[in-house]
Amino acid sequence: VQLQASGGGLVQPGGSLRLSCAASGSIFNENVMAWYRQAPGKEREMVASISNLGTTRLADAVTGRFAISRDGAKSTVYLHMDSLKPEDTGVYYCGLRRAWSPDMAYWGQGTQVTVSS
């Protein structure tokens, strides 16, 4: 399984970005795709997740500003980020796990998001 993330960049506070993560290979039928982020000097944290059935979870810090969706036919997950804040800055990673497992089985390469004026 390979995960290819894209869509990061530099954006001003209050701006928007959309990240994409395309999964290829033998993907588990029952799975969860998720976005994590890691800011400099901080641990990686979960931002949002979505199951193959469409069940979503969002971290409290991004609720109301971010949304996650997926195109099941293409096994692609999107992270729609609005009202971005400087504290959203970090490297964003997409991951894939079995629905019943707490641990990600596969990770993408990460994409940098920088929110700055």
PDB file of N, CA and C in Angstrom:
ATOM      1  N   VAL A   1       0.847  -1.192   0.000  1.00  0.00           N
ATOM      2  CA  VAL A   1       0.000   0.000   0.000  1.00  0.00           C
ATOM      3  C   VAL A   1       0.884   1.243   0.000  1.00  0.00           C
ATOM      4  N   GLN A   2       0.537   2.199  -0.837  1.00  0.00           N
ATOM      5  CA  GLN A   2       1.252   3.476  -0.857  1.00  0.00           C
ATOM      6  C   GLN A   2       0.254   4.612  -0.687  1.00  0.00           C
ATOM      7  N   LEU A   3       0.686   5.620   0.058  1.00  0.00           N
ATOM      8  CA  LEU A   3      -0.133   6.804   0.265  1.00  0.00           C
ATOM      9  C   LEU A   3       0.631   8.008  -0.267  1.00  0.00           C
ATOM     10  N   GLN A   4      -0.019   8.759  -1.127  1.00  0.00           N
ATOM     11  CA  GLN A   4       0.623   9.926  -1.744  1.00  0.00           C
ATOM     12  C   GLN A   4      -0.146  11.174  -1.331  1.00  0.00           C
ATOM     13  N   ALA A   5       0.486  12.004  -0.510  1.00  0.00           N
ATOM     14  CA  ALA A   5      -0.149  13.228  -0.022  1.00  0.00           C
ATOM     15  C   ALA A   5       0.284  14.421  -0.852  1.00  0.00           C
ATOM     16  N   SER A   6      -0.611  15.380  -0.984  1.00  0.00           N
ATOM     17  CA  SER A   6      -0.301  16.604  -1.727  1.00  0.00           C
ATOM     18  C   SER A   6      -1.216  17.734  -1.265  1.00  0.00           C
ATOM     19  N   GLY A   7      -0.879  18.969  -1.667  1.00  0.00           N
ATOM     20  CA  GLY A   7      -1.752  20.100  -1.419  1.00  0.00           C
ATOM     21  C   GLY A   7      -1.287  21.093  -0.382  1.00  0.00           C
ATOM     22  N   GLY A   8      -0.167  20.826   0.274  1.00  0.00           N
ATOM     23  CA  GLY A   8       0.314  21.766   1.273  1.00  0.00           C
ATOM     24  C   GLY A   8       0.838  23.039   0.641  1.00  0.00           C
ATOM     25  N   GLY A   9       1.199  23.996   1.499  1.00  0.00           N
ATOM     26  CA  GLY A   9       1.742  25.246   0.989  1.00  0.00           C
ATOM     27  C   GLY A   9       1.717  26.325   2.044  1.00  0.00           C
ATOM     28  N   LEU A  10       1.981  27.535   1.588  1.00  0.00           N
ATOM     29  CA  LEU A  10       1.982  28.711   2.455  1.00  0.00           C
ATOM     30  C   LEU A  10       0.678  29.463   2.268  1.00  0.00           C
ATOM     31  N   VAL A  11       0.016  29.792   3.356  1.00  0.00           N
ATOM     32  CA  VAL A  11      -1.256  30.502   3.289  1.00  0.00           C
ATOM     33  C   VAL A  11      -1.310  31.512   4.429  1.00  0.00           C
ATOM     34  N   GLN A  12      -2.011  32.600   4.195  1.00  0.00           N
ATOM     35  CA  GLN A  12      -2.165  33.612   5.231  1.00  0.00           C
ATOM     36  C   GLN A  12      -3.210  33.190   6.249  1.00  0.00           C
ATOM     37  N   PRO A  13      -3.122  33.698   7.469  1.00  0.00           N
ATOM     38  CA  PRO A  13      -4.161  33.395   8.467  1.00  0.00           C
ATOM     39  C   PRO A  13      -5.544  33.753   7.926  1.00  0.00           C
ATOM     40  N   GLY A  14      -6.493  32.860   8.192  1.00  0.00           N
ATOM     41  CA  GLY A  14      -7.839  33.032   7.669  1.00  0.00           C
ATOM     42  C   GLY A  14      -8.053  32.399   6.318  1.00  0.00           C
ATOM     43  N   GLY A  15      -6.993  31.945   5.700  1.00  0.00           N
ATOM     44  CA  GLY A  15      -7.083  31.333   4.381  1.00  0.00           C
ATOM     45  C   GLY A  15      -7.503  29.878   4.422  1.00  0.00           C
ATOM     46  N   SER A  16      -7.511  29.265   3.236  1.00  0.00           N
ATOM     47  CA  SER A  16      -7.966  27.879   3.096  1.00  0.00           C
ATOM     48  C   SER A  16      -6.970  27.068   2.277  1.00  0.00           C
ATOM     49  N   LEU A  17      -6.952  25.779   2.537  1.00  0.00           N
ATOM     50  CA  LEU A  17      -6.179  24.823   1.759  1.00  0.00           C
ATOM     51  C   LEU A  17      -6.954  23.516   1.703  1.00  0.00           C
ATOM     52  N   ARG A  18      -6.676  22.724   0.680  1.00  0.00           N
ATOM     53  CA  ARG A  18      -7.216  21.374   0.618  1.00  0.00           C
ATOM     54  C   ARG A  18      -6.076  20.404   0.393  1.00  0.00           C
ATOM     55  N   LEU A  19      -5.962  19.457   1.299  1.00  0.00           N
ATOM     56  CA  LEU A  19      -4.959  18.402   1.171  1.00  0.00           C
ATOM     57  C   LEU A  19      -5.619  17.161   0.577  1.00  0.00           C
ATOM     58  N   SER A  20      -4.850  16.432  -0.208  1.00  0.00           N
ATOM     59  CA  SER A  20      -5.317  15.182  -0.800  1.00  0.00           C
ATOM     60  C   SER A  20      -4.367  14.061  -0.439  1.00  0.00           C
ATOM     61  N   CYS A  21      -4.908  12.874  -0.291  1.00  0.00           N
ATOM     62  CA  CYS A  21      -4.089  11.688  -0.047  1.00  0.00           C
ATOM     63  C   CYS A  21      -4.681  10.535  -0.844  1.00  0.00           C
ATOM     64  N   ALA A  22      -3.917  10.049  -1.804  1.00  0.00           N
ATOM     65  CA  ALA A  22      -4.372   8.957  -2.654  1.00  0.00           C
ATOM     66  C   ALA A  22      -3.724   7.656  -2.203  1.00  0.00           C
ATOM     67  N   ALA A  23      -4.540   6.659  -1.929  1.00  0.00           N
ATOM     68  CA  ALA A  23      -4.056   5.339  -1.522  1.00  0.00           C
ATOM     69  C   ALA A  23      -4.084   4.393  -2.706  1.00  0.00           C
ATOM     70  N   SER A  24      -3.052   3.581  -2.836  1.00  0.00           N
ATOM     71  CA  SER A  24      -2.999   2.588  -3.906  1.00  0.00           C
ATOM     72  C   SER A  24      -2.484   1.277  -3.332  1.00  0.00           C
ATOM     73  N   GLY A  25      -2.790   0.196  -4.026  1.00  0.00           N
ATOM     74  CA  GLY A  25      -2.379  -1.121  -3.569  1.00  0.00           C
ATOM     75  C   GLY A  25      -3.544  -1.891  -2.959  1.00  0.00           C
ATOM     76  N   SER A  26      -3.226  -2.902  -2.168  1.00  0.00           N
ATOM     77  CA  SER A  26      -4.241  -3.775  -1.560  1.00  0.00           C
ATOM     78  C   SER A  26      -4.722  -3.161  -0.251  1.00  0.00           C
ATOM     79  N   ILE A  27      -5.763  -2.345  -0.356  1.00  0.00           N
ATOM     80  CA  ILE A  27      -6.284  -1.621   0.798  1.00  0.00           C
ATOM     81  C   ILE A  27      -7.282  -2.501   1.538  1.00  0.00           C
ATOM     82  N   PHE A  28      -7.213  -2.446   2.859  1.00  0.00           N
ATOM     83  CA  PHE A  28      -8.151  -3.221   3.678  1.00  0.00           C
ATOM     84  C   PHE A  28      -9.588  -2.803   3.352  1.00  0.00           C
ATOM     85  N   ASN A  29     -10.491  -3.769   3.286  1.00  0.00           N
ATOM     86  CA  ASN A  29     -11.889  -3.440   3.004  1.00  0.00           C
ATOM     87  C   ASN A  29     -12.473  -2.559   4.097  1.00  0.00           C
ATOM     88  N   GLU A  30     -12.235  -2.914   5.355  1.00  0.00           N
ATOM     89  CA  GLU A  30     -12.707  -2.110   6.481  1.00  0.00           C
ATOM     90  C   GLU A  30     -11.519  -1.296   6.995  1.00  0.00           C
ATOM     91  N   ASN A  31     -11.549  -0.034   6.715  1.00  0.00           N
ATOM     92  CA  ASN A  31     -10.370   0.776   7.001  1.00  0.00           C
ATOM     93  C   ASN A  31     -10.740   2.168   7.477  1.00  0.00           C
ATOM     94  N   VAL A  32      -9.765   2.821   7.999  1.00  0.00           N
ATOM     95  CA  VAL A  32      -9.879   4.217   8.390  1.00  0.00           C
ATOM     96  C   VAL A  32      -8.685   4.963   7.790  1.00  0.00           C
ATOM     97  N   MET A  33      -8.982   6.049   7.124  1.00  0.00           N
ATOM     98  CA  MET A  33      -7.925   6.943   6.639  1.00  0.00           C
ATOM     99  C   MET A  33      -7.949   8.197   7.501  1.00  0.00           C
ATOM    100  N   ALA A  34      -6.788   8.700   7.809  1.00  0.00           N
ATOM    101  CA  ALA A  34      -6.722   9.812   8.754  1.00  0.00           C
ATOM    102  C   ALA A  34      -5.616  10.789   8.377  1.00  0.00           C
ATOM    103  N   TRP A  35      -5.775  11.991   8.885  1.00  0.00           N
ATOM    104  CA  TRP A  35      -4.747  13.019   8.772  1.00  0.00           C
ATOM    105  C   TRP A  35      -4.208  13.304  10.175  1.00  0.00           C
ATOM    106  N   TYR A  36      -2.905  13.327  10.257  1.00  0.00           N
ATOM    107  CA  TYR A  36      -2.212  13.726  11.473  1.00  0.00           C
ATOM    108  C   TYR A  36      -1.334  14.931  11.126  1.00  0.00           C
ATOM    109  N   ARG A  37      -0.910  15.646  12.139  1.00  0.00           N
ATOM    110  CA  ARG A  37       0.032  16.725  11.890  1.00  0.00           C
ATOM    111  C   ARG A  37       1.063  16.776  13.001  1.00  0.00           C
ATOM    112  N   GLN A  38       2.205  17.322  12.646  1.00  0.00           N
ATOM    113  CA  GLN A  38       3.279  17.456  13.628  1.00  0.00           C
ATOM    114  C   GLN A  38       3.900  18.834  13.478  1.00  0.00           C
ATOM    115  N   ALA A  39       3.792  19.629  14.533  1.00  0.00           N
ATOM    116  CA  ALA A  39       4.411  20.948  14.561  1.00  0.00           C
ATOM    117  C   ALA A  39       5.831  20.811  15.106  1.00  0.00           C
ATOM    118  N   PRO A  40       6.709  21.755  14.791  1.00  0.00           N
ATOM    119  CA  PRO A  40       8.081  21.685  15.293  1.00  0.00           C
ATOM    120  C   PRO A  40       8.117  21.582  16.813  1.00  0.00           C
ATOM    121  N   GLY A  41       8.834  20.598  17.304  1.00  0.00           N
ATOM    122  CA  GLY A  41       8.990  20.418  18.740  1.00  0.00           C
ATOM    123  C   GLY A  41       7.814  19.781  19.446  1.00  0.00           C
ATOM    124  N   LYS A  42       6.825  19.360  18.673  1.00  0.00           N
ATOM    125  CA  LYS A  42       5.639  18.749  19.267  1.00  0.00           C
ATOM    126  C   LYS A  42       5.429  17.334  18.739  1.00  0.00           C
ATOM    127  N   GLU A  43       4.609  16.585  19.439  1.00  0.00           N
ATOM    128  CA  GLU A  43       4.306  15.229  19.007  1.00  0.00           C
ATOM    129  C   GLU A  43       3.263  15.256  17.884  1.00  0.00           C
ATOM    130  N   ARG A  44       3.269  14.192  17.123  1.00  0.00           N
ATOM    131  CA  ARG A  44       2.265  14.056  16.070  1.00  0.00           C
ATOM    132  C   ARG A  44       0.895  13.898  16.712  1.00  0.00           C
ATOM    133  N   GLU A  45      -0.108  14.590  16.166  1.00  0.00           N
ATOM    134  CA  GLU A  45      -1.459  14.533  16.712  1.00  0.00           C
ATOM    135  C   GLU A  45      -2.466  14.260  15.608  1.00  0.00           C
ATOM    136  N   MET A  46      -3.522  13.584  15.976  1.00  0.00           N
ATOM    137  CA  MET A  46      -4.592  13.281  15.021  1.00  0.00           C
ATOM    138  C   MET A  46      -5.393  14.543  14.753  1.00  0.00           C
ATOM    139  N   VAL A  47      -5.672  14.787  13.491  1.00  0.00           N
ATOM    140  CA  VAL A  47      -6.467  15.941  13.082  1.00  0.00           C
ATOM    141  C   VAL A  47      -7.879  15.512  12.696  1.00  0.00           C
ATOM    142  N   ALA A  48      -7.972  14.497  11.850  1.00  0.00           N
ATOM    143  CA  ALA A  48      -9.271  14.050  11.368  1.00  0.00           C
ATOM    144  C   ALA A  48      -9.144  12.644  10.821  1.00  0.00           C
ATOM    145  N   SER A  49     -10.247  11.908  10.875  1.00  0.00           N
ATOM    146  CA  SER A  49     -10.265  10.557  10.325  1.00  0.00           C
ATOM    147  C   SER A  49     -11.621  10.276   9.697  1.00  0.00           C
ATOM    148  N   ILE A  50     -11.613   9.315   8.783  1.00  0.00           N
ATOM    149  CA  ILE A  50     -12.849   8.913   8.127  1.00  0.00           C
ATOM    150  C   ILE A  50     -12.760   7.435   7.781  1.00  0.00           C
ATOM    151  N   SER A  51     -13.822   6.694   8.086  1.00  0.00           N
ATOM    152  CA  SER A  51     -13.834   5.263   7.816  1.00  0.00           C
ATOM    153  C   SER A  51     -14.338   4.997   6.395  1.00  0.00           C
ATOM    154  N   ASN A  52     -14.239   3.736   5.990  1.00  0.00           N
ATOM    155  CA  ASN A  52     -14.739   3.362   4.664  1.00  0.00           C
ATOM    156  C   ASN A  52     -16.252   3.512   4.589  1.00  0.00           C
ATOM    157  N   LEU A  53     -16.919   3.573   5.757  1.00  0.00           N
ATOM    158  CA  LEU A  53     -18.373   3.773   5.790  1.00  0.00           C
ATOM    159  C   LEU A  53     -18.739   5.252   5.879  1.00  0.00           C
ATOM    160  N   GLY A  54     -17.737   6.128   5.984  1.00  0.00           N
ATOM    161  CA  GLY A  54     -18.002   7.560   6.018  1.00  0.00           C
ATOM    162  C   GLY A  54     -18.085   8.164   7.401  1.00  0.00           C
ATOM    163  N   THR A  55     -17.836   7.376   8.432  1.00  0.00           N
ATOM    164  CA  THR A  55     -17.853   7.913   9.791  1.00  0.00           C
ATOM    165  C   THR A  55     -16.622   8.798  10.002  1.00  0.00           C
ATOM    166  N   THR A  56     -16.843  10.004  10.488  1.00  0.00           N
ATOM    167  CA  THR A  56     -15.744  10.970  10.637  1.00  0.00           C
ATOM    168  C   THR A  56     -15.509  11.341  12.095  1.00  0.00           C
ATOM    169  N   ARG A  57     -14.267  11.723  12.350  1.00  0.00           N
ATOM    170  CA  ARG A  57     -13.878  12.278  13.642  1.00  0.00           C
ATOM    171  C   ARG A  57     -12.988  13.479  13.380  1.00  0.00           C
ATOM    172  N   LEU A  58     -13.139  14.509  14.200  1.00  0.00           N
ATOM    173  CA  LEU A  58     -12.298  15.692  14.092  1.00  0.00           C
ATOM    174  C   LEU A  58     -11.747  16.039  15.464  1.00  0.00           C
ATOM    175  N   ALA A  59     -10.507  16.472  15.504  1.00  0.00           N
ATOM    176  CA  ALA A  59      -9.935  16.950  16.751  1.00  0.00           C
ATOM    177  C   ALA A  59     -10.653  18.228  17.182  1.00  0.00           C
ATOM    178  N   ASP A  60     -10.717  18.445  18.478  1.00  0.00           N
ATOM    179  CA  ASP A  60     -11.410  19.628  18.998  1.00  0.00           C
ATOM    180  C   ASP A  60     -10.820  20.914  18.417  1.00  0.00           C
ATOM    181  N   ALA A  61      -9.516  20.931  18.224  1.00  0.00           N
ATOM    182  CA  ALA A  61      -8.837  22.159  17.776  1.00  0.00           C
ATOM    183  C   ALA A  61      -9.238  22.576  16.368  1.00  0.00           C
ATOM    184  N   VAL A  62      -9.786  21.661  15.595  1.00  0.00           N
ATOM    185  CA  VAL A  62     -10.112  21.986  14.195  1.00  0.00           C
ATOM    186  C   VAL A  62     -11.601  21.877  13.902  1.00  0.00           C
ATOM    187  N   THR A  63     -12.383  21.448  14.866  1.00  0.00           N
ATOM    188  CA  THR A  63     -13.825  21.324  14.652  1.00  0.00           C
ATOM    189  C   THR A  63     -14.421  22.682  14.298  1.00  0.00           C
ATOM    190  N   GLY A  64     -15.240  22.682  13.251  1.00  0.00           N
ATOM    191  CA  GLY A  64     -15.846  23.921  12.791  1.00  0.00           C
ATOM    192  C   GLY A  64     -15.028  24.633  11.731  1.00  0.00           C
ATOM    193  N   ARG A  65     -13.769  24.205  11.549  1.00  0.00           N
ATOM    194  CA  ARG A  65     -12.901  24.840  10.544  1.00  0.00           C
ATOM    195  C   ARG A  65     -12.438  23.841   9.474  1.00  0.00           C
ATOM    196  N   PHE A  66     -12.228  22.613   9.864  1.00  0.00           N
ATOM    197  CA  PHE A  66     -11.746  21.574   8.944  1.00  0.00           C
ATOM    198  C   PHE A  66     -12.860  20.570   8.674  1.00  0.00           C
ATOM    199  N   ALA A  67     -12.762  19.923   7.547  1.00  0.00           N
ATOM    200  CA  ALA A  67     -13.665  18.833   7.211  1.00  0.00           C
ATOM    201  C   ALA A  67     -12.866  17.774   6.463  1.00  0.00           C
ATOM    202  N   ILE A  68     -13.263  16.511   6.648  1.00  0.00           N
ATOM    203  CA  ILE A  68     -12.605  15.409   5.960  1.00  0.00           C
ATOM    204  C   ILE A  68     -13.624  14.688   5.099  1.00  0.00           C
ATOM    205  N   SER A  69     -13.206  14.293   3.924  1.00  0.00           N
ATOM    206  CA  SER A  69     -14.085  13.552   3.032  1.00  0.00           C
ATOM    207  C   SER A  69     -13.243  12.561   2.259  1.00  0.00           C
ATOM    208  N   ARG A  70     -13.904  11.622   1.603  1.00  0.00           N
ATOM    209  CA  ARG A  70     -13.160  10.663   0.815  1.00  0.00           C
ATOM    210  C   ARG A  70     -13.947  10.263  -0.410  1.00  0.00           C
ATOM    211  N   ASP A  71     -13.221   9.929  -1.444  1.00  0.00           N
ATOM    212  CA  ASP A  71     -13.789   9.413  -2.675  1.00  0.00           C
ATOM    213  C   ASP A  71     -13.523   7.920  -2.648  1.00  0.00           C
ATOM    214  N   GLY A  72     -14.549   7.155  -2.280  1.00  0.00           N
ATOM    215  CA  GLY A  72     -14.349   5.727  -2.101  1.00  0.00           C
ATOM    216  C   GLY A  72     -13.858   5.014  -3.339  1.00  0.00           C
ATOM    217  N   ALA A  73     -14.358   5.433  -4.477  1.00  0.00           N
ATOM    218  CA  ALA A  73     -13.989   4.763  -5.725  1.00  0.00           C
ATOM    219  C   ALA A  73     -12.504   4.916  -6.010  1.00  0.00           C
ATOM    220  N   LYS A  74     -11.928   6.047  -5.563  1.00  0.00           N
ATOM    221  CA  LYS A  74     -10.517   6.308  -5.847  1.00  0.00           C
ATOM    222  C   LYS A  74      -9.651   6.135  -4.614  1.00  0.00           C
ATOM    223  N   SER A  75     -10.248   5.753  -3.477  1.00  0.00           N
ATOM    224  CA  SER A  75      -9.508   5.612  -2.222  1.00  0.00           C
ATOM    225  C   SER A  75      -8.667   6.844  -1.950  1.00  0.00           C
ATOM    226  N   THR A  76      -9.270   7.982  -2.137  1.00  0.00           N
ATOM    227  CA  THR A  76      -8.611   9.255  -1.893  1.00  0.00           C
ATOM    228  C   THR A  76      -9.326   9.976  -0.766  1.00  0.00           C
ATOM    229  N   VAL A  77      -8.555  10.527   0.146  1.00  0.00           N
ATOM    230  CA  VAL A  77      -9.128  11.280   1.253  1.00  0.00           C
ATOM    231  C   VAL A  77      -8.675  12.728   1.135  1.00  0.00           C
ATOM    232  N   TYR A  78      -9.584  13.626   1.500  1.00  0.00           N
ATOM    233  CA  TYR A  78      -9.317  15.058   1.409  1.00  0.00           C
ATOM    234  C   TYR A  78      -9.462  15.694   2.788  1.00  0.00           C
ATOM    235  N   LEU A  79      -8.641  16.677   3.051  1.00  0.00           N
ATOM    236  CA  LEU A  79      -8.780  17.482   4.247  1.00  0.00           C
ATOM    237  C   LEU A  79      -8.999  18.921   3.804  1.00  0.00           C
ATOM    238  N   HIS A  80     -10.203  19.412   4.057  1.00  0.00           N
ATOM    239  CA  HIS A  80     -10.561  20.770   3.689  1.00  0.00           C
ATOM    240  C   HIS A  80     -10.311  21.650   4.905  1.00  0.00           C
ATOM    241  N   MET A  81      -9.435  22.612   4.763  1.00  0.00           N
ATOM    242  CA  MET A  81      -9.041  23.446   5.898  1.00  0.00           C
ATOM    243  C   MET A  81      -9.415  24.889   5.623  1.00  0.00           C
ATOM    244  N   ASP A  82     -10.281  25.429   6.456  1.00  0.00           N
ATOM    245  CA  ASP A  82     -10.708  26.834   6.358  1.00  0.00           C
ATOM    246  C   ASP A  82     -10.306  27.575   7.634  1.00  0.00           C
ATOM    247  N   SER A  83     -10.353  28.895   7.551  1.00  0.00           N
ATOM    248  CA  SER A  83     -10.039  29.746   8.710  1.00  0.00           C
ATOM    249  C   SER A  83      -8.742  29.314   9.373  1.00  0.00           C
ATOM    250  N   LEU A  84      -7.727  29.109   8.568  1.00  0.00           N
ATOM    251  CA  LEU A  84      -6.455  28.612   9.087  1.00  0.00           C
ATOM    252  C   LEU A  84      -5.806  29.598  10.042  1.00  0.00           C
ATOM    253  N   LYS A  85      -5.153  29.034  11.047  1.00  0.00           N
ATOM    254  CA  LYS A  85      -4.476  29.807  12.078  1.00  0.00           C
ATOM    255  C   LYS A  85      -2.988  29.470  12.070  1.00  0.00           C
ATOM    256  N   PRO A  86      -2.150  30.354  12.582  1.00  0.00           N
ATOM    257  CA  PRO A  86      -0.710  30.037  12.649  1.00  0.00           C
ATOM    258  C   PRO A  86      -0.434  28.726  13.382  1.00  0.00           C
ATOM    259  N   GLU A  87      -1.249  28.410  14.370  1.00  0.00           N
ATOM    260  CA  GLU A  87      -1.025  27.165  15.119  1.00  0.00           C
ATOM    261  C   GLU A  87      -1.383  25.914  14.324  1.00  0.00           C
ATOM    262  N   ASP A  88      -1.938  26.073  13.145  1.00  0.00           N
ATOM    263  CA  ASP A  88      -2.189  24.925  12.261  1.00  0.00           C
ATOM    264  C   ASP A  88      -0.934  24.552  11.468  1.00  0.00           C
ATOM    265  N   THR A  89       0.100  25.347  11.591  1.00  0.00           N
ATOM    266  CA  THR A  89       1.347  25.088  10.875  1.00  0.00           C
ATOM    267  C   THR A  89       1.968  23.768  11.301  1.00  0.00           C
ATOM    268  N   GLY A  90       2.436  23.010  10.336  1.00  0.00           N
ATOM    269  CA  GLY A  90       3.097  21.747  10.628  1.00  0.00           C
ATOM    270  C   GLY A  90       3.176  20.886   9.390  1.00  0.00           C
ATOM    271  N   VAL A  91       3.747  19.707   9.573  1.00  0.00           N
ATOM    272  CA  VAL A  91       3.762  18.714   8.507  1.00  0.00           C
ATOM    273  C   VAL A  91       2.545  17.829   8.690  1.00  0.00           C
ATOM    274  N   TYR A  92       1.763  17.698   7.641  1.00  0.00           N
ATOM    275  CA  TYR A  92       0.544  16.911   7.676  1.00  0.00           C
ATOM    276  C   TYR A  92       0.793  15.568   7.009  1.00  0.00           C
ATOM    277  N   TYR A  93       0.442  14.505   7.724  1.00  0.00           N
ATOM    278  CA  TYR A  93       0.635  13.145   7.237  1.00  0.00           C
ATOM    279  C   TYR A  93      -0.707  12.447   7.099  1.00  0.00           C
ATOM    280  N   CYS A  94      -0.857  11.691   6.042  1.00  0.00           N
ATOM    281  CA  CYS A  94      -2.041  10.836   5.959  1.00  0.00           C
ATOM    282  C   CYS A  94      -1.644   9.415   6.326  1.00  0.00           C
ATOM    283  N   GLY A  95      -2.594   8.719   6.902  1.00  0.00           N
ATOM    284  CA  GLY A  95      -2.342   7.355   7.329  1.00  0.00           C
ATOM    285  C   GLY A  95      -3.536   6.471   7.036  1.00  0.00           C
ATOM    286  N   LEU A  96      -3.270   5.174   7.069  1.00  0.00           N
ATOM    287  CA  LEU A  96      -4.306   4.173   6.799  1.00  0.00           C
ATOM    288  C   LEU A  96      -4.177   3.060   7.833  1.00  0.00           C
ATOM    289  N   ARG A  97      -5.275   2.666   8.416  1.00  0.00           N
ATOM    290  CA  ARG A  97      -5.265   1.544   9.363  1.00  0.00           C
ATOM    291  C   ARG A  97      -6.488   0.673   9.148  1.00  0.00           C
ATOM    292  N   ARG A  98      -6.403  -0.537   9.670  1.00  0.00           N
ATOM    293  CA  ARG A  98      -7.581  -1.402   9.707  1.00  0.00           C
ATOM    294  C   ARG A  98      -8.594  -0.761  10.656  1.00  0.00           C
ATOM    295  N   ALA A  99      -9.873  -0.946  10.369  1.00  0.00           N
ATOM    296  CA  ALA A  99     -10.918  -0.300  11.156  1.00  0.00           C
ATOM    297  C   ALA A  99     -10.840  -0.685  12.634  1.00  0.00           C
ATOM    298  N   TRP A 100     -10.398  -1.931  12.909  1.00  0.00           N
ATOM    299  CA  TRP A 100     -10.401  -2.394  14.300  1.00  0.00           C
ATOM    300  C   TRP A 100      -9.075  -2.164  15.018  1.00  0.00           C
ATOM    301  N   SER A 101      -8.106  -1.618  14.326  1.00  0.00           N
ATOM    302  CA  SER A 101      -6.785  -1.430  14.927  1.00  0.00           C
ATOM    303  C   SER A 101      -6.586   0.022  15.342  1.00  0.00           C
ATOM    304  N   PRO A 102      -5.945   0.259  16.485  1.00  0.00           N
ATOM    305  CA  PRO A 102      -5.680   1.644  16.892  1.00  0.00           C
ATOM    306  C   PRO A 102      -4.464   2.256  16.208  1.00  0.00           C
ATOM    307  N   ASP A 103      -3.662   1.431  15.567  1.00  0.00           N
ATOM    308  CA  ASP A 103      -2.403   1.914  15.005  1.00  0.00           C
ATOM    309  C   ASP A 103      -2.456   2.008  13.486  1.00  0.00           C
ATOM    310  N   MET A 104      -1.851   3.077  12.972  1.00  0.00           N
ATOM    311  CA  MET A 104      -1.754   3.218  11.523  1.00  0.00           C
ATOM    312  C   MET A 104      -0.823   2.145  10.960  1.00  0.00           C
ATOM    313  N   ALA A 105      -1.259   1.521   9.866  1.00  0.00           N
ATOM    314  CA  ALA A 105      -0.435   0.504   9.229  1.00  0.00           C
ATOM    315  C   ALA A 105       0.474   1.117   8.168  1.00  0.00           C
ATOM    316  N   TYR A 106       0.014   2.203   7.578  1.00  0.00           N
ATOM    317  CA  TYR A 106       0.776   2.847   6.510  1.00  0.00           C
ATOM    318  C   TYR A 106       0.705   4.366   6.682  1.00  0.00           C
ATOM    319  N   TRP A 107       1.790   5.031   6.278  1.00  0.00           N
ATOM    320  CA  TRP A 107       1.862   6.484   6.327  1.00  0.00           C
ATOM    321  C   TRP A 107       2.288   7.026   4.968  1.00  0.00           C
ATOM    322  N   GLY A 108       1.775   8.208   4.636  1.00  0.00           N
ATOM    323  CA  GLY A 108       2.259   8.929   3.482  1.00  0.00           C
ATOM    324  C   GLY A 108       3.492   9.733   3.850  1.00  0.00           C
ATOM    325  N   GLN A 109       4.017  10.473   2.891  1.00  0.00           N
ATOM    326  CA  GLN A 109       5.298  11.131   3.077  1.00  0.00           C
ATOM    327  C   GLN A 109       5.212  12.479   3.794  1.00  0.00           C
ATOM    328  N   GLY A 110       4.030  13.011   3.996  1.00  0.00           N
ATOM    329  CA  GLY A 110       3.886  14.288   4.664  1.00  0.00           C
ATOM    330  C   GLY A 110       3.911  15.457   3.703  1.00  0.00           C
ATOM    331  N   THR A 111       3.139  16.476   4.031  1.00  0.00           N
ATOM    332  CA  THR A 111       3.116  17.692   3.227  1.00  0.00           C
ATOM    333  C   THR A 111       3.095  18.889   4.180  1.00  0.00           C
ATOM    334  N   GLN A 112       3.927  19.885   3.882  1.00  0.00           N
ATOM    335  CA  GLN A 112       4.091  21.025   4.785  1.00  0.00           C
ATOM    336  C   GLN A 112       2.960  22.034   4.600  1.00  0.00           C
ATOM    337  N   VAL A 113       2.383  22.443   5.725  1.00  0.00           N
ATOM    338  CA  VAL A 113       1.402  23.525   5.739  1.00  0.00           C
ATOM    339  C   VAL A 113       1.954  24.631   6.626  1.00  0.00           C
ATOM    340  N   THR A 114       2.068  25.818   6.072  1.00  0.00           N
ATOM    341  CA  THR A 114       2.567  26.964   6.822  1.00  0.00           C
ATOM    342  C   THR A 114       1.536  28.081   6.767  1.00  0.00           C
ATOM    343  N   VAL A 115       1.093  28.512   7.939  1.00  0.00           N
ATOM    344  CA  VAL A 115       0.110  29.597   8.031  1.00  0.00           C
ATOM    345  C   VAL A 115       0.832  30.799   8.630  1.00  0.00           C
ATOM    346  N   SER A 116       1.040  31.787   7.791  1.00  0.00           N
ATOM    347  CA  SER A 116       1.817  32.947   8.220  1.00  0.00           C
ATOM    348  C   SER A 116       1.498  34.142   7.348  1.00  0.00           C
ATOM    349  N   SER A 117       1.556  35.310   7.942  1.00  0.00           N
ATOM    350  CA  SER A 117       1.369  36.537   7.168  1.00  0.00           C
ATOM    351  C   SER A 117       2.718  37.076   6.696  1.00  0.00           C
TER     352      SER A 117
END
